[in-house]
């Protein structure tokens, strides 16, 4: 690993926001999910939540420009499970939805632990999810159309969250706990070894100050020997 890559990985991890995330409530178009994931990476979100559409995903051949390597995705069968997950971590749920309580998206304090809830392309946020949301926000519209595309709306709102957090200095120091930071560092620095360990249920090997696996050849030899003995 080059010193430049090591510093890049550390710099990005140091800006990751453990208490900012997105819940996708049955967003079913692949290109929209890819775009939202790319925005998540851009604003420092480490983990995105996806409620799988009951009618399945619409096919899409594009990519998230590699951002799927950098943003973890947790999937759920129901939106109640996803909301319960983020609320258990102390996050408020802010739904992008026009209703009687909706406020301008810029009036929300995104420096608080926040999960942005985005709804299905045409139907929007489900009634089930709205009942559990703490706040609802809208993006003021000046034209004839009633709303932005879901991925564009997510990008606009998350850009405001980034602006607020940056102004408050929340990107200046690492906000991931040590064990999570170390796990994500290894996944980014050594993706193939990380996948091997995950598949085998193994702990990740230790790395040195240079980011390389300590005694890599010895570790590989030991694991190969253990595999051979297990056959």
C-alpha atoms as a PDB file:
ATOM      1  CA  UNK A   1       0.000   0.000   0.000  1.00  0.00           C
ATOM      2  CA  UNK A   2       1.367   3.402  -0.945  1.00  0.00           C
ATOM      3  CA  UNK A   3       1.600   6.132   1.712  1.00  0.00           C
ATOM      4  CA  UNK A   4      -0.780   8.219  -0.396  1.00  0.00           C
ATOM      5  CA  UNK A   5      -3.481   5.536  -0.392  1.00  0.00           C
ATOM      6  CA  UNK A   6      -3.037   4.945   3.327  1.00  0.00           C
ATOM      7  CA  UNK A   7      -3.536   8.647   4.059  1.00  0.00           C
ATOM      8  CA  UNK A   8      -6.542   8.835   1.720  1.00  0.00           C
ATOM      9  CA  UNK A   9      -8.306   5.944   3.460  1.00  0.00           C
ATOM     10  CA  UNK A  10      -7.607   7.411   6.891  1.00  0.00           C
ATOM     11  CA  UNK A  11      -8.736  10.878   5.840  1.00  0.00           C
ATOM     12  CA  UNK A  12     -12.051   9.598   4.505  1.00  0.00           C
ATOM     13  CA  UNK A  13     -12.686   7.379   7.522  1.00  0.00           C
ATOM     14  CA  UNK A  14     -11.950  10.306   9.825  1.00  0.00           C
ATOM     15  CA  UNK A  15     -14.787  12.222   8.172  1.00  0.00           C
ATOM     16  CA  UNK A  16     -17.345   9.424   8.366  1.00  0.00           C
ATOM     17  CA  UNK A  17     -20.493  10.356  10.299  1.00  0.00           C
ATOM     18  CA  UNK A  18     -21.710   7.501  12.487  1.00  0.00           C
ATOM     19  CA  UNK A  19     -24.920   9.342  13.397  1.00  0.00           C
ATOM     20  CA  UNK A  20     -26.118  10.388   9.934  1.00  0.00           C
ATOM     21  CA  UNK A  21     -27.808   7.916   7.601  1.00  0.00           C
ATOM     22  CA  UNK A  22     -30.533   7.344   5.017  1.00  0.00           C
ATOM     23  CA  UNK A  23     -33.462   4.923   5.072  1.00  0.00           C
ATOM     24  CA  UNK A  24     -34.828   4.019   1.648  1.00  0.00           C
ATOM     25  CA  UNK A  25     -38.477   3.014   2.068  1.00  0.00           C
ATOM     26  CA  UNK A  26     -38.955   0.604  -0.876  1.00  0.00           C
ATOM     27  CA  UNK A  27     -37.094   2.732  -3.417  1.00  0.00           C
ATOM     28  CA  UNK A  28     -37.266   0.290  -6.310  1.00  0.00           C
ATOM     29  CA  UNK A  29     -35.282   1.812  -9.176  1.00  0.00           C
ATOM     30  CA  UNK A  30     -31.702   0.665  -9.174  1.00  0.00           C
ATOM     31  CA  UNK A  31     -30.376   3.901 -10.617  1.00  0.00           C
ATOM     32  CA  UNK A  32     -31.971   5.876  -7.784  1.00  0.00           C
ATOM     33  CA  UNK A  33     -30.502   3.642  -5.099  1.00  0.00           C
ATOM     34  CA  UNK A  34     -27.109   3.886  -6.792  1.00  0.00           C
ATOM     35  CA  UNK A  35     -27.334   7.673  -6.896  1.00  0.00           C
ATOM     36  CA  UNK A  36     -28.394   7.901  -3.240  1.00  0.00           C
ATOM     37  CA  UNK A  37     -25.530   5.620  -2.239  1.00  0.00           C
ATOM     38  CA  UNK A  38     -23.086   7.817  -4.134  1.00  0.00           C
ATOM     39  CA  UNK A  39     -24.401  10.882  -2.306  1.00  0.00           C
ATOM     40  CA  UNK A  40     -24.096   9.049   1.017  1.00  0.00           C
ATOM     41  CA  UNK A  41     -20.417   8.452   0.353  1.00  0.00           C
ATOM     42  CA  UNK A  42     -19.920  12.058  -0.739  1.00  0.00           C
ATOM     43  CA  UNK A  43     -21.321  13.513   2.502  1.00  0.00           C
ATOM     44  CA  UNK A  44     -19.556  11.021   4.768  1.00  0.00           C
ATOM     45  CA  UNK A  45     -22.332   8.534   5.523  1.00  0.00           C
ATOM     46  CA  UNK A  46     -20.913   5.114   6.365  1.00  0.00           C
ATOM     47  CA  UNK A  47     -24.085   3.028   6.394  1.00  0.00           C
ATOM     48  CA  UNK A  48     -27.314   3.170   4.374  1.00  0.00           C
ATOM     49  CA  UNK A  49     -30.549   1.323   5.174  1.00  0.00           C
ATOM     50  CA  UNK A  50     -32.670  -0.252   2.450  1.00  0.00           C
ATOM     51  CA  UNK A  51     -36.205  -1.615   2.852  1.00  0.00           C
ATOM     52  CA  UNK A  52     -36.599  -4.111   0.022  1.00  0.00           C
ATOM     53  CA  UNK A  53     -39.547  -3.367  -2.297  1.00  0.00           C
ATOM     54  CA  UNK A  54     -42.380  -5.860  -2.040  1.00  0.00           C
ATOM     55  CA  UNK A  55     -42.642  -5.895  -5.847  1.00  0.00           C
ATOM     56  CA  UNK A  56     -38.899  -6.223  -6.355  1.00  0.00           C
ATOM     57  CA  UNK A  57     -36.351  -3.926  -7.948  1.00  0.00           C
ATOM     58  CA  UNK A  58     -36.521  -2.508 -11.430  1.00  0.00           C
ATOM     59  CA  UNK A  59     -33.516  -3.704 -13.430  1.00  0.00           C
ATOM     60  CA  UNK A  60     -30.588  -1.344 -13.875  1.00  0.00           C
ATOM     61  CA  UNK A  61     -27.208  -1.953 -15.485  1.00  0.00           C
ATOM     62  CA  UNK A  62     -25.430   1.105 -14.153  1.00  0.00           C
ATOM     63  CA  UNK A  63     -23.249   1.432 -11.119  1.00  0.00           C
ATOM     64  CA  UNK A  64     -22.813   3.685  -8.131  1.00  0.00           C
ATOM     65  CA  UNK A  65     -19.368   4.657  -9.484  1.00  0.00           C
ATOM     66  CA  UNK A  66     -17.746   2.320  -6.967  1.00  0.00           C
ATOM     67  CA  UNK A  67     -19.442   3.880  -3.950  1.00  0.00           C
ATOM     68  CA  UNK A  68     -20.921   0.490  -3.038  1.00  0.00           C
ATOM     69  CA  UNK A  69     -17.379  -0.372  -1.920  1.00  0.00           C
ATOM     70  CA  UNK A  70     -17.383   2.424   0.628  1.00  0.00           C
ATOM     71  CA  UNK A  71     -20.941   2.524   2.018  1.00  0.00           C
ATOM     72  CA  UNK A  72     -22.330  -0.384   4.005  1.00  0.00           C
ATOM     73  CA  UNK A  73     -25.904  -1.384   3.192  1.00  0.00           C
ATOM     74  CA  UNK A  74     -28.277  -2.971   5.686  1.00  0.00           C
ATOM     75  CA  UNK A  75     -31.444  -4.489   4.217  1.00  0.00           C
ATOM     76  CA  UNK A  76     -34.824  -5.022   5.866  1.00  0.00           C
ATOM     77  CA  UNK A  77     -38.137  -6.666   5.066  1.00  0.00           C
ATOM     78  CA  UNK A  78     -40.131  -3.838   6.623  1.00  0.00           C
ATOM     79  CA  UNK A  79     -39.653  -0.141   7.252  1.00  0.00           C
ATOM     80  CA  UNK A  80     -40.554  -0.594  10.913  1.00  0.00           C
ATOM     81  CA  UNK A  81     -37.434  -2.746  11.346  1.00  0.00           C
ATOM     82  CA  UNK A  82     -35.227  -0.112   9.726  1.00  0.00           C
ATOM     83  CA  UNK A  83     -36.675   2.723  11.803  1.00  0.00           C
ATOM     84  CA  UNK A  84     -36.376   0.691  14.999  1.00  0.00           C
ATOM     85  CA  UNK A  85     -32.698   0.101  14.166  1.00  0.00           C
ATOM     86  CA  UNK A  86     -31.830   3.786  13.830  1.00  0.00           C
ATOM     87  CA  UNK A  87     -33.984   4.910  16.767  1.00  0.00           C
ATOM     88  CA  UNK A  88     -32.251   2.378  18.986  1.00  0.00           C
ATOM     89  CA  UNK A  89     -29.064   4.304  18.172  1.00  0.00           C
ATOM     90  CA  UNK A  90     -30.610   7.582  19.249  1.00  0.00           C
ATOM     91  CA  UNK A  91     -31.375   8.988  15.805  1.00  0.00           C
ATOM     92  CA  UNK A  92     -34.398  11.086  14.950  1.00  0.00           C
ATOM     93  CA  UNK A  93     -36.207  10.126  11.735  1.00  0.00           C
ATOM     94  CA  UNK A  94     -36.767  12.963   9.261  1.00  0.00           C
ATOM     95  CA  UNK A  95     -39.093  12.013   6.399  1.00  0.00           C
ATOM     96  CA  UNK A  96     -38.983  13.812   3.060  1.00  0.00           C
ATOM     97  CA  UNK A  97     -42.738  14.174   2.666  1.00  0.00           C
ATOM     98  CA  UNK A  98     -45.339  16.903   2.201  1.00  0.00           C
ATOM     99  CA  UNK A  99     -47.966  16.864   4.938  1.00  0.00           C
ATOM    100  CA  UNK A 100     -49.513  19.305   7.409  1.00  0.00           C
ATOM    101  CA  UNK A 101     -46.472  19.246   9.699  1.00  0.00           C
ATOM    102  CA  UNK A 102     -43.810  19.537   6.991  1.00  0.00           C
ATOM    103  CA  UNK A 103     -41.233  22.328   7.285  1.00  0.00           C
ATOM    104  CA  UNK A 104     -38.576  23.696   4.953  1.00  0.00           C
ATOM    105  CA  UNK A 105     -35.742  21.142   4.902  1.00  0.00           C
ATOM    106  CA  UNK A 106     -33.216  23.878   5.768  1.00  0.00           C
ATOM    107  CA  UNK A 107     -34.876  24.549   9.124  1.00  0.00           C
ATOM    108  CA  UNK A 108     -33.966  21.132  10.550  1.00  0.00           C
ATOM    109  CA  UNK A 109     -30.895  20.639  12.744  1.00  0.00           C
ATOM    110  CA  UNK A 110     -28.990  17.838  11.013  1.00  0.00           C
ATOM    111  CA  UNK A 111     -26.146  18.081  13.513  1.00  0.00           C
ATOM    112  CA  UNK A 112     -28.344  15.990  15.774  1.00  0.00           C
ATOM    113  CA  UNK A 113     -28.237  12.219  15.140  1.00  0.00           C
ATOM    114  CA  UNK A 114     -30.429  11.950  12.039  1.00  0.00           C
ATOM    115  CA  UNK A 115     -31.843   9.323   9.702  1.00  0.00           C
ATOM    116  CA  UNK A 116     -33.284  10.783   6.493  1.00  0.00           C
ATOM    117  CA  UNK A 117     -36.275   8.746   5.302  1.00  0.00           C
ATOM    118  CA  UNK A 118     -36.880   8.652   1.538  1.00  0.00           C
ATOM    119  CA  UNK A 119     -39.956   7.037  -0.002  1.00  0.00           C
ATOM    120  CA  UNK A 120     -40.835   5.028  -3.085  1.00  0.00           C
ATOM    121  CA  UNK A 121     -40.549   6.845  -6.419  1.00  0.00           C
ATOM    122  CA  UNK A 122     -44.257   7.393  -7.080  1.00  0.00           C
ATOM    123  CA  UNK A 123     -46.015   6.581  -3.813  1.00  0.00           C
ATOM    124  CA  UNK A 124     -43.597   8.410  -1.525  1.00  0.00           C
ATOM    125  CA  UNK A 125     -43.032   7.554   2.131  1.00  0.00           C
ATOM    126  CA  UNK A 126     -45.468   4.918   3.348  1.00  0.00           C
ATOM    127  CA  UNK A 127     -48.146   5.704   5.932  1.00  0.00           C
ATOM    128  CA  UNK A 128     -46.554   3.099   8.170  1.00  0.00           C
ATOM    129  CA  UNK A 129     -43.250   4.951   8.079  1.00  0.00           C
ATOM    130  CA  UNK A 130     -44.801   8.396   8.483  1.00  0.00           C
ATOM    131  CA  UNK A 131     -46.459   7.279  11.699  1.00  0.00           C
ATOM    132  CA  UNK A 132     -42.988   6.586  13.102  1.00  0.00           C
ATOM    133  CA  UNK A 133     -41.213   9.660  11.702  1.00  0.00           C
ATOM    134  CA  UNK A 134     -40.274  12.422  14.132  1.00  0.00           C
ATOM    135  CA  UNK A 135     -40.359  15.247  11.574  1.00  0.00           C
ATOM    136  CA  UNK A 136     -41.242  15.791   7.914  1.00  0.00           C
ATOM    137  CA  UNK A 137     -39.538  18.158   5.505  1.00  0.00           C
ATOM    138  CA  UNK A 138     -40.138  19.560   2.025  1.00  0.00           C
ATOM    139  CA  UNK A 139     -37.946  21.210  -0.575  1.00  0.00           C
ATOM    140  CA  UNK A 140     -39.583  24.425  -1.846  1.00  0.00           C
ATOM    141  CA  UNK A 141     -40.540  24.122  -5.536  1.00  0.00           C
ATOM    142  CA  UNK A 142     -40.670  27.046  -7.978  1.00  0.00           C
ATOM    143  CA  UNK A 143     -41.857  25.257 -11.108  1.00  0.00           C
ATOM    144  CA  UNK A 144     -44.769  23.216 -12.412  1.00  0.00           C
ATOM    145  CA  UNK A 145     -43.631  19.811 -11.168  1.00  0.00           C
ATOM    146  CA  UNK A 146     -44.614  18.783  -7.659  1.00  0.00           C
ATOM    147  CA  UNK A 147     -41.405  17.121  -6.516  1.00  0.00           C
ATOM    148  CA  UNK A 148     -37.811  16.240  -7.311  1.00  0.00           C
ATOM    149  CA  UNK A 149     -36.679  12.764  -8.248  1.00  0.00           C
ATOM    150  CA  UNK A 150     -36.052  10.806  -5.022  1.00  0.00           C
ATOM    151  CA  UNK A 151     -32.286  10.651  -5.536  1.00  0.00           C
ATOM    152  CA  UNK A 152     -32.093  14.372  -6.335  1.00  0.00           C
ATOM    153  CA  UNK A 153     -34.183  15.212  -3.261  1.00  0.00           C
ATOM    154  CA  UNK A 154     -31.913  13.079  -1.084  1.00  0.00           C
ATOM    155  CA  UNK A 155     -28.850  14.833  -2.492  1.00  0.00           C
ATOM    156  CA  UNK A 156     -30.290  18.304  -1.817  1.00  0.00           C
ATOM    157  CA  UNK A 157     -31.214  17.496   1.780  1.00  0.00           C
ATOM    158  CA  UNK A 158     -27.956  15.676   2.516  1.00  0.00           C
ATOM    159  CA  UNK A 159     -25.960  18.582   1.094  1.00  0.00           C
ATOM    160  CA  UNK A 160     -27.642  20.789   3.710  1.00  0.00           C
ATOM    161  CA  UNK A 161     -26.798  18.233   6.406  1.00  0.00           C
ATOM    162  CA  UNK A 162     -23.168  18.288   5.273  1.00  0.00           C
ATOM    163  CA  UNK A 163     -23.115  22.097   5.261  1.00  0.00           C
ATOM    164  CA  UNK A 164     -24.419  22.282   8.820  1.00  0.00           C
ATOM    165  CA  UNK A 165     -22.074  19.609  10.117  1.00  0.00           C
ATOM    166  CA  UNK A 166     -19.073  21.090   8.358  1.00  0.00           C
ATOM    167  CA  UNK A 167     -19.817  24.511   9.842  1.00  0.00           C
ATOM    168  CA  UNK A 168     -19.916  22.934  13.280  1.00  0.00           C
ATOM    169  CA  UNK A 169     -16.576  21.154  12.790  1.00  0.00           C
ATOM    170  CA  UNK A 170     -18.068  17.681  12.791  1.00  0.00           C
ATOM    171  CA  UNK A 171     -15.768  16.479   9.996  1.00  0.00           C
ATOM    172  CA  UNK A 172     -12.586  17.496  11.796  1.00  0.00           C
ATOM    173  CA  UNK A 173     -12.213  14.491  14.112  1.00  0.00           C
ATOM    174  CA  UNK A 174     -13.021  10.801  13.738  1.00  0.00           C
ATOM    175  CA  UNK A 175     -16.575  10.032  14.851  1.00  0.00           C
ATOM    176  CA  UNK A 176     -16.468   6.247  14.422  1.00  0.00           C
ATOM    177  CA  UNK A 177     -15.757   4.097  17.465  1.00  0.00           C
ATOM    178  CA  UNK A 178     -12.358   2.409  17.435  1.00  0.00           C
ATOM    179  CA  UNK A 179     -13.514  -1.137  16.637  1.00  0.00           C
ATOM    180  CA  UNK A 180     -15.743   0.029  13.785  1.00  0.00           C
ATOM    181  CA  UNK A 181     -12.982   2.249  12.415  1.00  0.00           C
ATOM    182  CA  UNK A 182     -10.510  -0.640  12.428  1.00  0.00           C
ATOM    183  CA  UNK A 183     -12.978  -2.990  10.732  1.00  0.00           C
ATOM    184  CA  UNK A 184     -13.813  -0.481   7.996  1.00  0.00           C
ATOM    185  CA  UNK A 185     -10.138   0.347   7.489  1.00  0.00           C
ATOM    186  CA  UNK A 186      -9.324  -3.298   6.898  1.00  0.00           C
ATOM    187  CA  UNK A 187     -12.268  -3.745   4.508  1.00  0.00           C
ATOM    188  CA  UNK A 188     -11.124  -0.783   2.445  1.00  0.00           C
ATOM    189  CA  UNK A 189      -7.409  -1.507   2.586  1.00  0.00           C
ATOM    190  CA  UNK A 190      -7.609  -5.286   2.074  1.00  0.00           C
ATOM    191  CA  UNK A 191     -10.977  -6.060   0.448  1.00  0.00           C
ATOM    192  CA  UNK A 192     -10.080  -9.547  -0.803  1.00  0.00           C
ATOM    193  CA  UNK A 193      -8.726 -10.698   2.550  1.00  0.00           C
ATOM    194  CA  UNK A 194     -11.726  -9.127   4.299  1.00  0.00           C
ATOM    195  CA  UNK A 195     -14.131 -11.085   2.075  1.00  0.00           C
ATOM    196  CA  UNK A 196     -12.186 -14.295   2.745  1.00  0.00           C
ATOM    197  CA  UNK A 197     -12.348 -13.727   6.500  1.00  0.00           C
ATOM    198  CA  UNK A 198     -16.050 -12.850   6.376  1.00  0.00           C
ATOM    199  CA  UNK A 199     -16.845 -16.008   4.408  1.00  0.00           C
ATOM    200  CA  UNK A 200     -14.815 -18.159   6.811  1.00  0.00           C
ATOM    201  CA  UNK A 201     -15.975 -16.396   9.963  1.00  0.00           C
ATOM    202  CA  UNK A 202     -12.409 -15.374  10.801  1.00  0.00           C
ATOM    203  CA  UNK A 203     -11.160 -12.329  12.662  1.00  0.00           C
ATOM    204  CA  UNK A 204      -9.270  -9.883  10.478  1.00  0.00           C
ATOM    205  CA  UNK A 205      -5.479 -10.095  10.863  1.00  0.00           C
ATOM    206  CA  UNK A 206      -3.648  -7.225  12.529  1.00  0.00           C
ATOM    207  CA  UNK A 207      -2.165  -4.457  10.441  1.00  0.00           C
ATOM    208  CA  UNK A 208       0.871  -2.310  11.124  1.00  0.00           C
ATOM    209  CA  UNK A 209       1.332   1.454  11.044  1.00  0.00           C
ATOM    210  CA  UNK A 210       1.913   1.206   7.295  1.00  0.00           C
ATOM    211  CA  UNK A 211      -1.532  -0.356   6.820  1.00  0.00           C
ATOM    212  CA  UNK A 212      -0.112  -3.690   5.706  1.00  0.00           C
ATOM    213  CA  UNK A 213      -0.973  -7.041   7.311  1.00  0.00           C
ATOM    214  CA  UNK A 214       1.624  -7.920   9.934  1.00  0.00           C
ATOM    215  CA  UNK A 215       3.549 -10.979   8.696  1.00  0.00           C
ATOM    216  CA  UNK A 216       1.157 -11.431   5.792  1.00  0.00           C
ATOM    217  CA  UNK A 217       2.910 -14.519   4.352  1.00  0.00           C
ATOM    218  CA  UNK A 218       2.898 -16.196   7.765  1.00  0.00           C
ATOM    219  CA  UNK A 219      -0.792 -15.447   8.250  1.00  0.00           C
ATOM    220  CA  UNK A 220      -1.690 -16.823   4.812  1.00  0.00           C
ATOM    221  CA  UNK A 221       0.400 -19.948   5.436  1.00  0.00           C
ATOM    222  CA  UNK A 222      -1.279 -20.559   8.788  1.00  0.00           C
ATOM    223  CA  UNK A 223      -4.796 -20.204   7.338  1.00  0.00           C
ATOM    224  CA  UNK A 224      -3.971 -22.477   4.413  1.00  0.00           C
ATOM    225  CA  UNK A 225      -2.655 -25.083   6.860  1.00  0.00           C
ATOM    226  CA  UNK A 226      -5.811 -24.810   8.969  1.00  0.00           C
ATOM    227  CA  UNK A 227      -7.969 -25.209   5.849  1.00  0.00           C
ATOM    228  CA  UNK A 228      -6.045 -28.305   4.812  1.00  0.00           C
ATOM    229  CA  UNK A 229      -6.463 -29.885   8.263  1.00  0.00           C
ATOM    230  CA  UNK A 230     -10.202 -29.220   8.221  1.00  0.00           C
ATOM    231  CA  UNK A 231     -10.746 -31.185   4.999  1.00  0.00           C
END
